[in-house]
């Protein structure tokens, strides 16, 4: 059994605010005032400050001198840069699973996530679909056994999550495309086909980027 310490109060506040940013409740450029958050959540100002630093590290807000914290803007250049980097990180994780799994039971978590993705798609539940999509990466961490890779993905994941949510919220039909790509990815991992893993995840990254950039023009 592995021990997981409960999230700190600052992490819980950061998660709450991140969810609002990802869903679009807090708009790009909108200011996040410490005092308002403190009163709304009935928490200390120090915890809110710490939460804002976490969100800045995860690229969801920018903290500027004399201007305070603001939700970061989503631009085509930022999205393209993020998708390019995340694709390479996903490929590293995919390769680690392909090279590390030993018995069929090792792949069970991924097959379970696949089933939950199908359920989310059938219900058109974007929030659950996005969450399960990124649970794939977390299921891959033990195979990579690389704390630096894990930390990098975790810090960038909320920004990718935000972009992904925007795209799927406007183009729900694209969820079916992602399901098909995930099925191809699982087949490549089972076959230990590293070239196919790179191909599938590169297509995934390019498709994600195109959808998000297109969604930005519709906002």
C-alpha atoms as a PDB file:
ATOM      1  CA  UNK A   1       0.000   0.000   0.000  1.00  0.00           C
ATOM      2  CA  UNK A   2       1.303   3.477  -0.883  1.00  0.00           C
ATOM      3  CA  UNK A   3       0.749   6.408   1.470  1.00  0.00           C
ATOM      4  CA  UNK A   4      -0.719   9.594   0.079  1.00  0.00           C
ATOM      5  CA  UNK A   5      -0.788  12.602   2.364  1.00  0.00           C
ATOM      6  CA  UNK A   6      -3.961  14.679   2.198  1.00  0.00           C
ATOM      7  CA  UNK A   7      -3.730  17.829   0.111  1.00  0.00           C
ATOM      8  CA  UNK A   8      -2.785  20.932   2.056  1.00  0.00           C
ATOM      9  CA  UNK A   9      -5.333  23.717   2.439  1.00  0.00           C
ATOM     10  CA  UNK A  10      -3.431  25.766  -0.130  1.00  0.00           C
ATOM     11  CA  UNK A  11      -3.602  22.861  -2.611  1.00  0.00           C
ATOM     12  CA  UNK A  12      -7.343  22.530  -2.017  1.00  0.00           C
ATOM     13  CA  UNK A  13      -7.854  26.250  -2.634  1.00  0.00           C
ATOM     14  CA  UNK A  14      -5.676  26.064  -5.743  1.00  0.00           C
ATOM     15  CA  UNK A  15      -7.706  23.098  -7.026  1.00  0.00           C
ATOM     16  CA  UNK A  16     -10.973  24.975  -6.423  1.00  0.00           C
ATOM     17  CA  UNK A  17      -9.772  28.053  -8.306  1.00  0.00           C
ATOM     18  CA  UNK A  18      -8.201  25.938 -11.051  1.00  0.00           C
ATOM     19  CA  UNK A  19     -11.539  24.209 -11.676  1.00  0.00           C
ATOM     20  CA  UNK A  20     -13.230  27.599 -12.065  1.00  0.00           C
ATOM     21  CA  UNK A  21     -10.554  28.739 -14.519  1.00  0.00           C
ATOM     22  CA  UNK A  22     -10.696  25.491 -16.504  1.00  0.00           C
ATOM     23  CA  UNK A  23     -14.499  25.643 -16.793  1.00  0.00           C
ATOM     24  CA  UNK A  24     -14.335  29.293 -17.834  1.00  0.00           C
ATOM     25  CA  UNK A  25     -16.113  30.661 -14.756  1.00  0.00           C
ATOM     26  CA  UNK A  26     -13.048  32.875 -14.256  1.00  0.00           C
ATOM     27  CA  UNK A  27     -12.286  34.514 -17.585  1.00  0.00           C
ATOM     28  CA  UNK A  28      -8.895  35.277 -19.168  1.00  0.00           C
ATOM     29  CA  UNK A  29      -7.605  38.557 -17.775  1.00  0.00           C
ATOM     30  CA  UNK A  30      -9.987  38.489 -14.812  1.00  0.00           C
ATOM     31  CA  UNK A  31      -8.439  39.551 -11.529  1.00  0.00           C
ATOM     32  CA  UNK A  32      -8.446  37.166  -8.566  1.00  0.00           C
ATOM     33  CA  UNK A  33      -8.581  39.196  -5.361  1.00  0.00           C
ATOM     34  CA  UNK A  34      -7.058  37.607  -2.267  1.00  0.00           C
ATOM     35  CA  UNK A  35      -9.549  39.207   0.099  1.00  0.00           C
ATOM     36  CA  UNK A  36     -12.589  38.031  -1.868  1.00  0.00           C
ATOM     37  CA  UNK A  37     -11.282  34.461  -2.010  1.00  0.00           C
ATOM     38  CA  UNK A  38     -10.449  34.587   1.706  1.00  0.00           C
ATOM     39  CA  UNK A  39     -13.978  35.671   2.607  1.00  0.00           C
ATOM     40  CA  UNK A  40     -15.724  33.383   0.134  1.00  0.00           C
ATOM     41  CA  UNK A  41     -13.910  30.250   1.297  1.00  0.00           C
ATOM     42  CA  UNK A  42     -13.475  31.284   4.942  1.00  0.00           C
ATOM     43  CA  UNK A  43      -9.736  30.592   4.876  1.00  0.00           C
ATOM     44  CA  UNK A  44      -6.630  32.527   5.859  1.00  0.00           C
ATOM     45  CA  UNK A  45      -5.076  35.061   3.546  1.00  0.00           C
ATOM     46  CA  UNK A  46      -1.745  33.243   3.817  1.00  0.00           C
ATOM     47  CA  UNK A  47      -3.299  30.051   2.433  1.00  0.00           C
ATOM     48  CA  UNK A  48      -4.801  31.992  -0.460  1.00  0.00           C
ATOM     49  CA  UNK A  49      -1.437  33.567  -1.260  1.00  0.00           C
ATOM     50  CA  UNK A  50       0.173  30.145  -1.275  1.00  0.00           C
ATOM     51  CA  UNK A  51      -2.618  28.821  -3.528  1.00  0.00           C
ATOM     52  CA  UNK A  52      -2.057  31.659  -5.991  1.00  0.00           C
ATOM     53  CA  UNK A  53       1.652  30.810  -6.181  1.00  0.00           C
ATOM     54  CA  UNK A  54       0.695  27.216  -6.991  1.00  0.00           C
ATOM     55  CA  UNK A  55      -1.623  28.424  -9.769  1.00  0.00           C
ATOM     56  CA  UNK A  56       1.109  30.673 -11.149  1.00  0.00           C
ATOM     57  CA  UNK A  57       3.491  27.699 -11.275  1.00  0.00           C
ATOM     58  CA  UNK A  58       0.803  25.813 -13.187  1.00  0.00           C
ATOM     59  CA  UNK A  59       0.420  28.640 -15.720  1.00  0.00           C
ATOM     60  CA  UNK A  60      -3.224  29.390 -14.935  1.00  0.00           C
ATOM     61  CA  UNK A  61      -2.611  32.849 -13.474  1.00  0.00           C
ATOM     62  CA  UNK A  62       0.034  35.552 -13.620  1.00  0.00           C
ATOM     63  CA  UNK A  63       0.955  37.596 -10.556  1.00  0.00           C
ATOM     64  CA  UNK A  64       2.121  41.079 -11.529  1.00  0.00           C
ATOM     65  CA  UNK A  65       3.606  43.845  -9.330  1.00  0.00           C
ATOM     66  CA  UNK A  66       0.941  46.322  -8.202  1.00  0.00           C
ATOM     67  CA  UNK A  67      -1.668  44.531 -10.340  1.00  0.00           C
ATOM     68  CA  UNK A  68      -2.115  41.331  -8.389  1.00  0.00           C
ATOM     69  CA  UNK A  69      -3.210  37.967  -9.762  1.00  0.00           C
ATOM     70  CA  UNK A  70      -4.946  37.677 -13.113  1.00  0.00           C
ATOM     71  CA  UNK A  71      -6.126  34.653 -15.098  1.00  0.00           C
ATOM     72  CA  UNK A  72      -3.701  34.069 -17.960  1.00  0.00           C
ATOM     73  CA  UNK A  73      -4.777  34.660 -21.540  1.00  0.00           C
ATOM     74  CA  UNK A  74      -5.077  31.739 -23.940  1.00  0.00           C
ATOM     75  CA  UNK A  75      -3.424  32.541 -27.274  1.00  0.00           C
ATOM     76  CA  UNK A  76      -2.755  30.436 -30.340  1.00  0.00           C
ATOM     77  CA  UNK A  77       1.009  30.680 -29.743  1.00  0.00           C
ATOM     78  CA  UNK A  78       0.713  29.528 -26.126  1.00  0.00           C
ATOM     79  CA  UNK A  79      -1.542  26.638 -27.105  1.00  0.00           C
ATOM     80  CA  UNK A  80       0.805  25.507 -29.887  1.00  0.00           C
ATOM     81  CA  UNK A  81       3.823  25.735 -27.589  1.00  0.00           C
ATOM     82  CA  UNK A  82       2.056  23.793 -24.849  1.00  0.00           C
ATOM     83  CA  UNK A  83       0.776  21.048 -27.141  1.00  0.00           C
ATOM     84  CA  UNK A  84       4.214  20.577 -28.706  1.00  0.00           C
ATOM     85  CA  UNK A  85       5.854  20.110 -25.313  1.00  0.00           C
ATOM     86  CA  UNK A  86       3.093  17.976 -23.823  1.00  0.00           C
ATOM     87  CA  UNK A  87       3.152  15.618 -26.813  1.00  0.00           C
ATOM     88  CA  UNK A  88       6.808  14.843 -26.140  1.00  0.00           C
ATOM     89  CA  UNK A  89       6.143  14.287 -22.437  1.00  0.00           C
ATOM     90  CA  UNK A  90       3.230  11.980 -23.246  1.00  0.00           C
ATOM     91  CA  UNK A  91       5.469  10.028 -25.636  1.00  0.00           C
ATOM     92  CA  UNK A  92       8.002   9.532 -22.837  1.00  0.00           C
ATOM     93  CA  UNK A  93       5.253   8.156 -20.604  1.00  0.00           C
ATOM     94  CA  UNK A  94       3.796   5.978 -23.357  1.00  0.00           C
ATOM     95  CA  UNK A  95       7.218   4.495 -24.104  1.00  0.00           C
ATOM     96  CA  UNK A  96       7.779   3.824 -20.401  1.00  0.00           C
ATOM     97  CA  UNK A  97       4.550   1.812 -20.158  1.00  0.00           C
ATOM     98  CA  UNK A  98       5.301  -0.092 -23.373  1.00  0.00           C
ATOM     99  CA  UNK A  99       8.761  -1.046 -22.140  1.00  0.00           C
ATOM    100  CA  UNK A 100       7.708  -1.677 -18.549  1.00  0.00           C
ATOM    101  CA  UNK A 101       4.525  -3.730 -18.514  1.00  0.00           C
ATOM    102  CA  UNK A 102       5.083  -7.408 -17.763  1.00  0.00           C
ATOM    103  CA  UNK A 103       1.689  -9.105 -17.464  1.00  0.00           C
ATOM    104  CA  UNK A 104      -1.776  -8.255 -18.736  1.00  0.00           C
ATOM    105  CA  UNK A 105      -2.801  -7.152 -15.240  1.00  0.00           C
ATOM    106  CA  UNK A 106      -0.343  -4.243 -15.554  1.00  0.00           C
ATOM    107  CA  UNK A 107      -2.589  -2.803 -18.267  1.00  0.00           C
ATOM    108  CA  UNK A 108      -5.801  -3.148 -16.233  1.00  0.00           C
ATOM    109  CA  UNK A 109      -5.805   0.494 -14.994  1.00  0.00           C
ATOM    110  CA  UNK A 110      -5.656   1.752 -18.584  1.00  0.00           C
ATOM    111  CA  UNK A 111      -8.469  -0.532 -19.718  1.00  0.00           C
ATOM    112  CA  UNK A 112     -10.581   0.675 -16.781  1.00  0.00           C
ATOM    113  CA  UNK A 113      -9.926   4.288 -17.745  1.00  0.00           C
ATOM    114  CA  UNK A 114     -10.879   3.455 -21.322  1.00  0.00           C
ATOM    115  CA  UNK A 115     -14.236   2.129 -20.131  1.00  0.00           C
ATOM    116  CA  UNK A 116     -14.849   5.242 -18.048  1.00  0.00           C
ATOM    117  CA  UNK A 117     -13.983   7.383 -21.087  1.00  0.00           C
ATOM    118  CA  UNK A 118     -16.595   5.510 -23.108  1.00  0.00           C
ATOM    119  CA  UNK A 119     -19.175   6.093 -20.367  1.00  0.00           C
ATOM    120  CA  UNK A 120     -18.318   9.804 -20.206  1.00  0.00           C
ATOM    121  CA  UNK A 121     -18.595  10.046 -23.985  1.00  0.00           C
ATOM    122  CA  UNK A 122     -21.994   8.353 -24.006  1.00  0.00           C
ATOM    123  CA  UNK A 123     -23.198  10.795 -21.350  1.00  0.00           C
ATOM    124  CA  UNK A 124     -21.510  13.734 -23.100  1.00  0.00           C
ATOM    125  CA  UNK A 125     -19.920  14.543 -19.753  1.00  0.00           C
ATOM    126  CA  UNK A 126     -17.003  16.765 -20.786  1.00  0.00           C
ATOM    127  CA  UNK A 127     -15.683  17.319 -17.280  1.00  0.00           C
ATOM    128  CA  UNK A 128     -15.443  13.587 -16.543  1.00  0.00           C
ATOM    129  CA  UNK A 129     -14.015  12.889 -20.005  1.00  0.00           C
ATOM    130  CA  UNK A 130     -11.223  15.431 -19.561  1.00  0.00           C
ATOM    131  CA  UNK A 131     -10.445  14.177 -16.059  1.00  0.00           C
ATOM    132  CA  UNK A 132     -10.212  10.562 -17.198  1.00  0.00           C
ATOM    133  CA  UNK A 133      -8.060  11.540 -20.181  1.00  0.00           C
ATOM    134  CA  UNK A 134      -5.437  12.903 -17.836  1.00  0.00           C
ATOM    135  CA  UNK A 135      -5.775   9.991 -15.427  1.00  0.00           C
ATOM    136  CA  UNK A 136      -4.107   8.010 -18.222  1.00  0.00           C
ATOM    137  CA  UNK A 137      -0.920   9.984 -17.626  1.00  0.00           C
ATOM    138  CA  UNK A 138      -1.054   9.447 -13.878  1.00  0.00           C
ATOM    139  CA  UNK A 139      -1.496   5.715 -14.380  1.00  0.00           C
ATOM    140  CA  UNK A 140       1.728   5.798 -16.410  1.00  0.00           C
ATOM    141  CA  UNK A 141       3.868   7.485 -13.737  1.00  0.00           C
ATOM    142  CA  UNK A 142       4.884   4.267 -11.904  1.00  0.00           C
ATOM    143  CA  UNK A 143       6.228   2.802 -15.160  1.00  0.00           C
ATOM    144  CA  UNK A 144       8.366   5.872 -15.846  1.00  0.00           C
ATOM    145  CA  UNK A 145       9.544   6.144 -12.220  1.00  0.00           C
ATOM    146  CA  UNK A 146      10.843   9.630 -13.007  1.00  0.00           C
ATOM    147  CA  UNK A 147       9.946  12.282 -10.415  1.00  0.00           C
ATOM    148  CA  UNK A 148      11.117  15.120 -12.657  1.00  0.00           C
ATOM    149  CA  UNK A 149       8.924  13.995 -15.531  1.00  0.00           C
ATOM    150  CA  UNK A 150       5.982  13.558 -13.167  1.00  0.00           C
ATOM    151  CA  UNK A 151       6.425  17.005 -11.622  1.00  0.00           C
ATOM    152  CA  UNK A 152       6.693  18.657 -15.042  1.00  0.00           C
ATOM    153  CA  UNK A 153       3.549  16.951 -16.346  1.00  0.00           C
ATOM    154  CA  UNK A 154       1.604  17.775 -13.178  1.00  0.00           C
ATOM    155  CA  UNK A 155       2.557  21.452 -13.346  1.00  0.00           C
ATOM    156  CA  UNK A 156       1.639  21.752 -17.034  1.00  0.00           C
ATOM    157  CA  UNK A 157      -1.423  19.511 -16.910  1.00  0.00           C
ATOM    158  CA  UNK A 158      -3.898  22.141 -15.603  1.00  0.00           C
ATOM    159  CA  UNK A 159      -3.054  24.473 -18.491  1.00  0.00           C
ATOM    160  CA  UNK A 160      -3.561  21.614 -20.954  1.00  0.00           C
ATOM    161  CA  UNK A 161      -6.728  20.634 -19.119  1.00  0.00           C
ATOM    162  CA  UNK A 162      -8.061  24.158 -19.568  1.00  0.00           C
ATOM    163  CA  UNK A 163      -7.317  24.157 -23.297  1.00  0.00           C
ATOM    164  CA  UNK A 164      -8.770  20.665 -23.750  1.00  0.00           C
ATOM    165  CA  UNK A 165     -11.973  21.591 -21.927  1.00  0.00           C
ATOM    166  CA  UNK A 166     -12.442  24.671 -24.116  1.00  0.00           C
ATOM    167  CA  UNK A 167     -12.085  22.626 -27.285  1.00  0.00           C
ATOM    168  CA  UNK A 168     -14.438  19.822 -26.255  1.00  0.00           C
ATOM    169  CA  UNK A 169     -17.016  22.206 -24.807  1.00  0.00           C
ATOM    170  CA  UNK A 170     -17.477  23.685 -28.280  1.00  0.00           C
ATOM    171  CA  UNK A 171     -16.922  20.513 -30.288  1.00  0.00           C
ATOM    172  CA  UNK A 172     -18.322  17.558 -28.359  1.00  0.00           C
ATOM    173  CA  UNK A 173     -18.199  15.338 -31.432  1.00  0.00           C
ATOM    174  CA  UNK A 174     -14.388  15.380 -31.123  1.00  0.00           C
ATOM    175  CA  UNK A 175     -14.629  13.176 -28.040  1.00  0.00           C
ATOM    176  CA  UNK A 176     -15.182  10.237 -30.372  1.00  0.00           C
ATOM    177  CA  UNK A 177     -11.937  11.008 -32.207  1.00  0.00           C
ATOM    178  CA  UNK A 178      -9.992  10.977 -28.938  1.00  0.00           C
ATOM    179  CA  UNK A 179     -11.520   7.633 -27.997  1.00  0.00           C
ATOM    180  CA  UNK A 180     -10.365   6.155 -31.301  1.00  0.00           C
ATOM    181  CA  UNK A 181      -6.850   7.546 -30.782  1.00  0.00           C
ATOM    182  CA  UNK A 182      -6.725   6.100 -27.270  1.00  0.00           C
ATOM    183  CA  UNK A 183      -7.686   2.687 -28.610  1.00  0.00           C
ATOM    184  CA  UNK A 184      -4.840   2.933 -31.135  1.00  0.00           C
ATOM    185  CA  UNK A 185      -2.461   4.012 -28.356  1.00  0.00           C
ATOM    186  CA  UNK A 186      -3.354   1.021 -26.173  1.00  0.00           C
ATOM    187  CA  UNK A 187      -2.767  -1.333 -29.103  1.00  0.00           C
ATOM    188  CA  UNK A 188       0.646   0.235 -29.749  1.00  0.00           C
ATOM    189  CA  UNK A 189       1.620  -0.025 -26.075  1.00  0.00           C
ATOM    190  CA  UNK A 190       0.580  -3.680 -25.920  1.00  0.00           C
ATOM    191  CA  UNK A 191       2.660  -4.338 -29.054  1.00  0.00           C
ATOM    192  CA  UNK A 192       5.593  -2.369 -27.591  1.00  0.00           C
ATOM    193  CA  UNK A 193       5.624  -0.431 -30.864  1.00  0.00           C
ATOM    194  CA  UNK A 194       7.468   2.777 -29.946  1.00  0.00           C
ATOM    195  CA  UNK A 195       7.253   4.212 -33.458  1.00  0.00           C
ATOM    196  CA  UNK A 196       3.461   3.814 -33.478  1.00  0.00           C
ATOM    197  CA  UNK A 197       3.211   5.326 -29.976  1.00  0.00           C
ATOM    198  CA  UNK A 198       5.049   8.416 -31.234  1.00  0.00           C
ATOM    199  CA  UNK A 199       2.817   8.591 -34.303  1.00  0.00           C
ATOM    200  CA  UNK A 200      -0.449   8.263 -32.378  1.00  0.00           C
ATOM    201  CA  UNK A 201       0.532  10.774 -29.692  1.00  0.00           C
ATOM    202  CA  UNK A 202       1.860  13.221 -32.282  1.00  0.00           C
ATOM    203  CA  UNK A 203      -1.476  13.063 -34.091  1.00  0.00           C
ATOM    204  CA  UNK A 204      -3.226  13.497 -30.737  1.00  0.00           C
ATOM    205  CA  UNK A 205      -1.148  16.601 -29.972  1.00  0.00           C
ATOM    206  CA  UNK A 206      -1.691  18.124 -33.404  1.00  0.00           C
ATOM    207  CA  UNK A 207      -5.423  17.428 -33.288  1.00  0.00           C
ATOM    208  CA  UNK A 208      -5.721  18.894 -29.797  1.00  0.00           C
ATOM    209  CA  UNK A 209      -3.847  21.997 -30.876  1.00  0.00           C
ATOM    210  CA  UNK A 210      -6.032  22.501 -33.962  1.00  0.00           C
ATOM    211  CA  UNK A 211      -9.244  22.097 -31.966  1.00  0.00           C
ATOM    212  CA  UNK A 212      -8.189  24.533 -29.236  1.00  0.00           C
ATOM    213  CA  UNK A 213      -6.967  27.186 -31.689  1.00  0.00           C
ATOM    214  CA  UNK A 214     -10.234  26.860 -33.624  1.00  0.00           C
ATOM    215  CA  UNK A 215     -12.213  27.141 -30.373  1.00  0.00           C
ATOM    216  CA  UNK A 216     -10.318  30.319 -29.450  1.00  0.00           C
ATOM    217  CA  UNK A 217     -11.569  32.020 -32.604  1.00  0.00           C
ATOM    218  CA  UNK A 218     -15.145  31.109 -31.644  1.00  0.00           C
ATOM    219  CA  UNK A 219     -14.937  32.544 -28.110  1.00  0.00           C
END
